[in-house]
Amino acid sequence: MPNFKIFSTGLVAIALSVATGCTPTTQHDQNTTSEVPPVRTEPVQATESPSLSPTTPGQNNLSSLDTQFINEAAQDGLAEVKLGKLASERATSNSVKQFGQHMVQDHTQVNNQLLQLATQKGVTLPKTLNNENQQVSQRLSKLSGAQFDQEYMNHMVQAHEKDVAAFENQAQQGQDTDVKAFAAQTLPALQKHLQEARSIANPGTATPTPTPTTTP
């Protein structure tokens, strides 16, 4: 009987051992098979490239010399139109009257072209005569007859000599390409005006104004 008990106990032990060996170690597997957290992908933010400053229409990006040229050309243009109207009304000589009318027509056209250019470049042009041109206008308005004709034409020679020199310099030395182009395109008309003014002011002594070689 004791032997049977021992044998029974052994069988139970073996059965338990077998049972234990067949049982899956769930806890162990749960501990060793750790959950891999999902990978979070952050949205890629594009790197902003530095923004360039484009030329804004209406913003003055000209050099001081180019701006000065535009303002002086506009002021001289106003004077040419003002004095041209005066000549067409007060001149005695038909050639002086016609020259005055010519100045009004040509310089009105040039002034309009210059206004478009100045607007594009952000430069505000003068709208009235400065003190110097106002004094010339007042002085000529007090003259009449042959005296007016001579004084007006003498002033036209001086004014166009100054204009031709300024436009030649701008066409060659200007920094802004558009302003240089305007100066180069307008220069031949100013040279023609100067030649005509010299021939009227001093008949028989005027010489053609040479056309300079301009670099674009």
Protein backbone atom coordinates (compact mmCIF):
# COMPACT_ATOMS: atom_id res chain seq x y z
CA MET A 1 0.00 0.00 0.00
CA PRO A 2 2.74 2.55 0.77
CA ASN A 3 4.39 1.64 -2.49
CA PHE A 4 1.21 2.37 -4.39
CA LYS A 5 0.99 5.74 -2.68
CA ILE A 6 4.51 6.64 -3.70
CA PHE A 7 3.82 5.48 -7.21
CA SER A 8 0.65 7.54 -7.35
CA THR A 9 2.46 10.55 -6.03
CA GLY A 10 5.14 10.13 -8.69
CA LEU A 11 2.57 9.91 -11.41
CA VAL A 12 0.93 13.06 -10.20
CA ALA A 13 4.28 14.80 -10.14
CA ILE A 14 5.10 13.65 -13.65
CA ALA A 15 1.66 14.70 -14.85
CA LEU A 16 2.08 18.13 -13.29
CA SER A 17 5.54 18.42 -14.79
CA VAL A 18 4.28 17.50 -18.24
CA ALA A 19 1.34 19.82 -17.87
CA THR A 20 3.59 22.60 -16.76
CA GLY A 21 5.97 22.06 -19.65
CA CYS A 22 3.16 22.15 -22.19
CA THR A 23 1.65 25.31 -20.83
CA PRO A 24 2.82 28.39 -22.92
CA THR A 25 4.63 30.96 -20.91
CA THR A 26 2.18 33.69 -21.74
CA GLN A 27 3.51 36.12 -19.19
CA HIS A 28 7.07 35.67 -20.41
CA ASP A 29 6.06 36.22 -24.01
CA GLN A 30 4.11 39.30 -23.08
CA ASN A 31 7.11 40.70 -21.27
CA THR A 32 9.66 39.96 -23.97
CA THR A 33 7.49 40.93 -26.95
CA SER A 34 7.27 44.61 -26.15
CA GLU A 35 5.04 46.73 -28.30
CA VAL A 36 6.93 48.95 -30.78
CA PRO A 37 5.42 52.41 -30.63
CA PRO A 38 4.27 53.75 -34.01
CA VAL A 39 6.73 56.08 -35.70
CA ARG A 40 5.39 59.61 -35.82
CA THR A 41 6.27 61.42 -39.03
CA GLU A 42 6.38 65.16 -38.65
CA PRO A 43 5.39 67.15 -41.73
CA VAL A 44 8.45 68.54 -43.49
CA GLN A 45 8.38 72.29 -43.57
CA ALA A 46 9.87 73.79 -46.70
CA THR A 47 12.74 76.16 -46.09
CA GLU A 48 11.84 79.59 -47.33
CA SER A 49 14.39 81.03 -49.69
CA PRO A 50 15.26 84.66 -49.05
CA SER A 51 12.92 86.84 -51.05
CA LEU A 52 14.55 89.21 -53.49
CA SER A 53 13.41 92.79 -53.57
CA PRO A 54 12.02 93.32 -57.06
CA THR A 55 11.88 96.79 -58.52
CA THR A 56 8.50 98.13 -57.50
CA PRO A 57 6.78 100.33 -60.05
CA GLY A 58 6.61 103.83 -58.69
CA GLN A 59 9.61 103.36 -56.41
CA ASN A 60 12.66 105.54 -57.10
CA ASN A 61 15.63 103.23 -57.58
CA LEU A 62 17.67 105.68 -59.65
CA SER A 63 21.02 107.10 -58.75
CA SER A 64 21.16 110.72 -57.62
CA LEU A 65 22.71 111.77 -60.95
CA ASP A 66 20.02 110.05 -63.01
CA THR A 67 17.31 111.60 -60.85
CA GLN A 68 18.91 115.03 -61.19
CA PHE A 69 19.04 114.65 -64.97
CA ILE A 70 15.34 113.78 -65.17
CA ASN A 71 14.34 116.73 -63.00
CA GLU A 72 16.50 119.20 -64.91
CA ALA A 73 15.29 117.87 -68.28
CA ALA A 74 11.70 118.28 -67.13
CA GLN A 75 12.35 121.82 -65.90
CA ASP A 76 14.03 122.79 -69.17
CA GLY A 77 11.17 121.20 -71.10
CA LEU A 78 8.62 123.29 -69.22
CA ALA A 79 10.60 126.43 -70.01
CA GLU A 80 10.87 125.56 -73.72
CA VAL A 81 7.09 125.19 -74.00
CA LYS A 82 6.38 128.34 -71.98
CA LEU A 83 8.81 130.51 -73.94
CA GLY A 84 7.78 128.92 -77.23
CA LYS A 85 4.19 130.00 -76.64
CA LEU A 86 5.45 133.47 -75.80
CA ALA A 87 7.44 133.60 -79.05
CA SER A 88 4.50 132.48 -81.17
CA GLU A 89 2.50 135.41 -79.73
CA ARG A 90 5.08 138.23 -79.50
CA ALA A 91 7.68 137.57 -82.17
CA THR A 92 7.85 139.82 -85.23
CA SER A 93 9.86 137.55 -87.51
CA ASN A 94 8.01 134.65 -89.06
CA SER A 95 11.03 132.40 -88.59
CA VAL A 96 11.05 133.18 -84.86
CA LYS A 97 7.30 132.58 -84.61
CA GLN A 98 7.65 129.25 -86.40
CA PHE A 99 10.60 128.28 -84.23
CA GLY A 100 8.53 129.05 -81.12
CA GLN A 101 5.67 126.90 -82.39
CA HIS A 102 8.16 124.17 -83.20
CA MET A 103 9.46 124.29 -79.63
CA VAL A 104 5.96 123.96 -78.20
CA GLN A 105 5.17 120.96 -80.38
CA ASP A 106 8.46 119.09 -79.97
CA HIS A 107 9.01 119.72 -76.28
CA THR A 108 5.42 118.90 -75.38
CA GLN A 109 5.98 115.50 -76.94
CA VAL A 110 9.33 115.05 -75.17
CA ASN A 111 7.80 116.18 -71.87
CA ASN A 112 5.09 113.52 -72.18
CA GLN A 113 7.68 110.83 -72.86
CA LEU A 114 9.72 112.01 -69.90
CA LEU A 115 6.64 111.96 -67.67
CA GLN A 116 6.01 108.31 -68.54
CA LEU A 117 9.63 107.46 -67.78
CA ALA A 118 9.59 109.39 -64.51
CA THR A 119 6.38 107.69 -63.40
CA GLN A 120 7.91 104.30 -64.10
CA LYS A 121 11.02 105.22 -62.12
CA GLY A 122 9.15 106.82 -59.23
CA VAL A 123 10.39 110.38 -59.83
CA THR A 124 8.04 113.31 -59.27
CA LEU A 125 8.62 115.93 -61.95
CA PRO A 126 8.36 119.68 -61.41
CA LYS A 127 5.12 121.20 -62.66
CA THR A 128 6.03 124.87 -62.53
CA LEU A 129 9.00 126.95 -63.65
CA ASN A 130 11.83 127.47 -61.20
CA ASN A 131 12.99 130.97 -60.25
CA GLU A 132 15.58 131.18 -63.01
CA ASN A 133 13.22 130.24 -65.83
CA GLN A 134 10.45 132.35 -64.34
CA GLN A 135 12.72 135.40 -64.43
CA VAL A 136 13.60 134.73 -68.09
CA SER A 137 9.91 134.45 -68.95
CA GLN A 138 9.08 137.69 -67.16
CA ARG A 139 11.96 139.51 -68.82
CA LEU A 140 11.01 138.37 -72.33
CA SER A 141 7.33 139.12 -71.78
CA LYS A 142 8.25 142.80 -71.37
CA LEU A 143 9.98 142.93 -74.74
CA SER A 144 8.48 143.25 -78.21
CA GLY A 145 9.39 143.52 -81.86
CA ALA A 146 12.93 142.86 -83.06
CA GLN A 147 14.29 143.18 -79.54
CA PHE A 148 12.14 140.28 -78.39
CA ASP A 149 13.15 138.20 -81.40
CA GLN A 150 16.86 138.66 -80.74
CA GLU A 151 16.71 138.10 -77.00
CA TYR A 152 14.51 135.02 -77.36
CA MET A 153 16.73 133.42 -80.00
CA ASN A 154 19.89 134.20 -78.04
CA HIS A 155 18.35 132.47 -75.03
CA MET A 156 17.35 129.49 -77.19
CA VAL A 157 20.95 129.08 -78.34
CA GLN A 158 22.22 129.13 -74.75
CA ALA A 159 19.46 126.85 -73.46
CA HIS A 160 19.97 124.26 -76.19
CA GLU A 161 23.74 124.30 -75.82
CA LYS A 162 23.17 123.40 -72.18
CA ASP A 163 20.57 120.75 -73.07
CA VAL A 164 22.73 119.10 -75.73
CA ALA A 165 25.67 118.86 -73.33
CA ALA A 166 23.49 117.38 -70.58
CA PHE A 167 21.84 114.82 -72.88
CA GLU A 168 25.18 113.83 -74.42
CA ASN A 169 26.64 113.22 -70.97
CA GLN A 170 23.60 111.23 -69.84
CA ALA A 171 23.56 109.10 -72.99
CA GLN A 172 27.21 108.17 -72.37
CA GLN A 173 27.57 108.21 -68.60
CA GLY A 174 24.07 107.54 -67.22
CA GLN A 175 23.58 104.50 -65.00
CA ASP A 176 19.96 103.54 -65.67
CA THR A 177 19.52 101.95 -69.09
CA ASP A 178 16.04 103.42 -69.67
CA VAL A 179 17.16 106.93 -68.79
CA LYS A 180 20.22 106.56 -71.02
CA ALA A 181 18.01 105.39 -73.88
CA PHE A 182 15.68 108.38 -73.44
CA ALA A 183 18.64 110.76 -73.55
CA ALA A 184 20.12 109.09 -76.63
CA GLN A 185 16.79 109.12 -78.50
CA THR A 186 16.05 112.77 -77.67
CA LEU A 187 19.54 114.09 -78.37
CA PRO A 188 19.25 114.37 -82.20
CA ALA A 189 16.15 116.58 -81.92
CA LEU A 190 17.92 118.87 -79.45
CA GLN A 191 20.94 119.12 -81.75
CA LYS A 192 18.63 120.07 -84.60
CA HIS A 193 16.97 122.73 -82.41
CA LEU A 194 20.38 124.13 -81.54
CA GLN A 195 21.40 124.33 -85.17
CA GLU A 196 18.12 126.07 -86.10
CA ALA A 197 18.43 128.51 -83.18
CA ARG A 198 21.97 129.46 -84.20
CA SER A 199 20.97 129.99 -87.81
CA ILE A 200 18.10 132.29 -86.82
CA ALA A 201 19.99 134.18 -84.12
CA ASN A 202 23.07 134.66 -86.31
CA PRO A 203 22.19 134.11 -89.97
CA GLY A 204 25.11 132.81 -92.03
CA THR A 205 27.27 131.90 -89.04
CA ALA A 206 25.63 128.71 -87.81
CA THR A 207 27.50 125.46 -88.24
CA PRO A 208 25.97 121.99 -88.05
CA THR A 209 26.25 120.35 -84.66
CA PRO A 210 28.22 117.08 -84.96
CA THR A 211 26.40 113.99 -83.88
CA PRO A 212 28.38 112.31 -81.07
CA THR A 213 28.96 108.59 -80.94
CA THR A 214 26.89 107.27 -78.06
CA THR A 215 27.33 103.91 -76.44
CA PRO A 216 24.08 102.20 -75.46
